[in-house]
C-alpha atoms as a PDB file:
ATOM      1  CA  MET A   1      -0.137  -0.421  -0.287  1.00  0.00           C
ATOM      2  CA  THR A   2       3.061   2.519   0.900  1.00  0.00           C
ATOM      3  CA  ARG A   3       4.173   1.441  -2.423  1.00  0.00           C
ATOM      4  CA  THR A   4       1.335   2.380  -4.613  1.00  0.00           C
ATOM      5  CA  ILE A   5       0.823   6.177  -2.388  1.00  0.00           C
ATOM      6  CA  PHE A   6       4.318   6.681  -3.032  1.00  0.00           C
ATOM      7  CA  VAL A   7       4.077   6.068  -6.844  1.00  0.00           C
ATOM      8  CA  MET A   8       0.926   8.307  -7.262  1.00  0.00           C
ATOM      9  CA  THR A   9       2.978  10.854  -5.400  1.00  0.00           C
ATOM     10  CA  MET A  10       5.607  10.464  -7.637  1.00  0.00           C
ATOM     11  CA  PHE A  11       3.306  10.972 -10.709  1.00  0.00           C
ATOM     12  CA  ALA A  12       1.051  13.751  -8.804  1.00  0.00           C
ATOM     13  CA  THR A  13       4.147  16.307  -7.879  1.00  0.00           C
ATOM     14  CA  PRO A  14       3.456  18.303 -11.083  1.00  0.00           C
ATOM     15  CA  ALA A  15      -0.107  18.950 -10.046  1.00  0.00           C
ATOM     16  CA  PHE A  16       0.533  19.977  -7.161  1.00  0.00           C
ATOM     17  CA  ALA A  17       3.616  22.253  -7.792  1.00  0.00           C
ATOM     18  CA  ASP A  18       1.034  24.934 -10.069  1.00  0.00           C
ATOM     19  CA  SER A  19      -0.832  26.505  -6.991  1.00  0.00           C
ATOM     20  CA  GLY A  20      -3.427  27.858  -8.764  1.00  0.00           C
ATOM     21  CA  GLU A  21      -2.466  31.227  -9.291  1.00  0.00           C
ATOM     22  CA  TYR A  22      -1.470  33.188 -11.976  1.00  0.00           C
ATOM     23  CA  GLY A  23       1.522  34.854 -10.629  1.00  0.00           C
ATOM     24  CA  HIS A  24       3.743  32.489 -12.761  1.00  0.00           C
ATOM     25  CA  MET A  25       2.485  34.303 -16.086  1.00  0.00           C
ATOM     26  CA  MET A  26       2.307  37.948 -14.772  1.00  0.00           C
ATOM     27  CA  GLY A  27       5.554  40.301 -14.636  1.00  0.00           C
ATOM     28  CA  ASP A  28       8.795  38.562 -15.751  1.00  0.00           C
ATOM     29  CA  GLY A  29       7.065  35.893 -17.752  1.00  0.00           C
ATOM     30  CA  TYR A  30       5.933  35.884 -21.102  1.00  0.00           C
ATOM     31  CA  GLY A  31       2.359  37.077 -20.509  1.00  0.00           C
ATOM     32  CA  TYR A  32       2.105  40.992 -20.414  1.00  0.00           C
ATOM     33  CA  GLY A  33       4.696  43.503 -20.783  1.00  0.00           C
ATOM     34  CA  PRO A  34       8.108  44.222 -22.896  1.00  0.00           C
ATOM     35  CA  SER A  35       8.792  40.523 -23.764  1.00  0.00           C
ATOM     36  CA  MET A  36       5.226  40.074 -24.958  1.00  0.00           C
ATOM     37  CA  MET A  37       5.979  43.192 -27.443  1.00  0.00           C
ATOM     38  CA  PHE A  38       9.726  42.461 -28.271  1.00  0.00           C
ATOM     39  CA  GLY A  39       9.096  38.598 -28.497  1.00  0.00           C
ATOM     40  CA  PRO A  40       7.671  38.246 -32.010  1.00  0.00           C
ATOM     41  CA  VAL A  41      10.327  41.251 -33.141  1.00  0.00           C
ATOM     42  CA  VAL A  42      12.950  38.757 -31.862  1.00  0.00           C
ATOM     43  CA  TRP A  43      11.637  35.734 -33.931  1.00  0.00           C
ATOM     44  CA  ILE A  44      11.256  38.265 -37.130  1.00  0.00           C
ATOM     45  CA  VAL A  45      15.044  39.332 -36.633  1.00  0.00           C
ATOM     46  CA  ALA A  46      16.029  35.545 -36.134  1.00  0.00           C
ATOM     47  CA  LEU A  47      13.746  34.554 -38.810  1.00  0.00           C
ATOM     48  CA  GLY A  48      15.532  37.407 -41.333  1.00  0.00           C
ATOM     49  CA  LEU A  49      19.377  36.157 -39.612  1.00  0.00           C
ATOM     50  CA  VAL A  50      18.612  33.003 -41.067  1.00  0.00           C
ATOM     51  CA  VAL A  51      17.197  33.627 -44.493  1.00  0.00           C
ATOM     52  CA  ALA A  52      20.471  36.036 -44.992  1.00  0.00           C
ATOM     53  CA  GLY A  53      22.512  33.159 -43.721  1.00  0.00           C
ATOM     54  CA  ILE A  54      21.294  30.779 -46.661  1.00  0.00           C
ATOM     55  CA  ILE A  55      21.179  33.293 -49.348  1.00  0.00           C
ATOM     56  CA  TRP A  56      25.010  34.064 -48.666  1.00  0.00           C
ATOM     57  CA  LEU A  57      25.892  30.528 -48.553  1.00  0.00           C
ATOM     58  CA  VAL A  58      24.310  29.942 -51.608  1.00  0.00           C
ATOM     59  CA  ARG A  59      25.951  32.767 -53.568  1.00  0.00           C
ATOM     60  CA  ARG A  60      29.578  31.613 -51.547  1.00  0.00           C
ATOM     61  CA  LEU A  61      28.998  28.009 -53.317  1.00  0.00           C
ATOM     62  CA  ASP A  62      27.905  29.717 -56.419  1.00  0.00           C
ATOM     63  CA  HIS A  63      31.040  31.222 -56.629  1.00  0.00           C
ATOM     64  CA  ALA A  64      33.379  28.844 -55.584  1.00  0.00           C
ATOM     65  CA  THR A  65      32.436  26.448 -58.999  1.00  0.00           C
ATOM     66  CA  PRO A  66      34.646  27.282 -61.848  1.00  0.00           C
ATOM     67  CA  GLN A  67      33.001  29.236 -64.371  1.00  0.00           C
ATOM     68  CA  GLY A  68      35.109  27.910 -67.249  1.00  0.00           C
ATOM     69  CA  GLY A  69      37.303  30.547 -68.425  1.00  0.00           C
ATOM     70  CA  ALA A  70      40.430  29.772 -70.666  1.00  0.00           C
ATOM     71  CA  SER A  71      40.743  25.530 -69.947  1.00  0.00           C
ATOM     72  CA  SER A  72      36.798  25.580 -71.443  1.00  0.00           C
ATOM     73  CA  ALA A  73      37.787  27.758 -74.068  1.00  0.00           C
ATOM     74  CA  MET A  74      40.687  25.350 -74.999  1.00  0.00           C
ATOM     75  CA  ALA A  75      38.688  22.530 -75.074  1.00  0.00           C
ATOM     76  CA  GLU A  76      35.948  24.059 -77.298  1.00  0.00           C
ATOM     77  CA  LEU A  77      39.325  24.583 -79.562  1.00  0.00           C
ATOM     78  CA  ASP A  78      40.173  21.416 -79.297  1.00  0.00           C
ATOM     79  CA  LEU A  79      36.835  20.342 -80.175  1.00  0.00           C
ATOM     80  CA  ARG A  80      36.549  22.288 -82.952  1.00  0.00           C
ATOM     81  CA  LEU A  81      39.331  20.677 -84.473  1.00  0.00           C
ATOM     82  CA  ALA A  82      38.597  17.249 -83.565  1.00  0.00           C
ATOM     83  CA  LYS A  83      35.291  17.947 -85.792  1.00  0.00           C
ATOM     84  CA  GLY A  84      37.014  19.302 -88.503  1.00  0.00           C
ATOM     85  CA  GLU A  85      35.522  22.749 -88.485  1.00  0.00           C
ATOM     86  CA  ILE A  86      38.838  24.833 -88.306  1.00  0.00           C
ATOM     87  CA  ASP A  87      42.012  23.768 -89.852  1.00  0.00           C
ATOM     88  CA  ALA A  88      45.471  23.410 -88.069  1.00  0.00           C
ATOM     89  CA  ASP A  89      46.747  26.943 -88.849  1.00  0.00           C
ATOM     90  CA  GLU A  90      43.759  28.412 -87.119  1.00  0.00           C
ATOM     91  CA  TYR A  91      44.064  26.149 -84.137  1.00  0.00           C
ATOM     92  CA  SER A  92      47.774  27.092 -84.031  1.00  0.00           C
ATOM     93  CA  SER A  93      46.447  30.952 -83.915  1.00  0.00           C
ATOM     94  CA  ARG A  94      43.422  30.987 -81.589  1.00  0.00           C
ATOM     95  CA  LYS A  95      45.515  28.998 -78.955  1.00  0.00           C
ATOM     96  CA  LYS A  96      48.272  31.573 -79.300  1.00  0.00           C
ATOM     97  CA  LEU A  97      45.273  33.816 -78.560  1.00  0.00           C
ATOM     98  CA  LEU A  98      43.790  31.970 -75.617  1.00  0.00           C
ATOM     99  CA  SER A  99      47.597  31.371 -73.867  1.00  0.00           C
ATOM    100  CA  ALA A 100      48.108  35.362 -73.965  1.00  0.00           C
END
């Protein structure tokens, strides 16, 4: 019997913790006052920072990828020579222009 009462009191302690007054929500809590007024502002600022961080990360990763440049131009030039679109003289002259 005492074991049953002990177990019941262990599960009932959160119910006993609330005194039935609403004082825990007033004043310094989340009920009224500055925290109620500035709480949404803090969440909007936090959300804005998260969105700005995601945009910054995507832009940074986008600029980290190579944009091509001379290596892709050389690959295109090699491909055009292999296809027969240009001859060897034009290939060598364009290769000199790309190397300079």
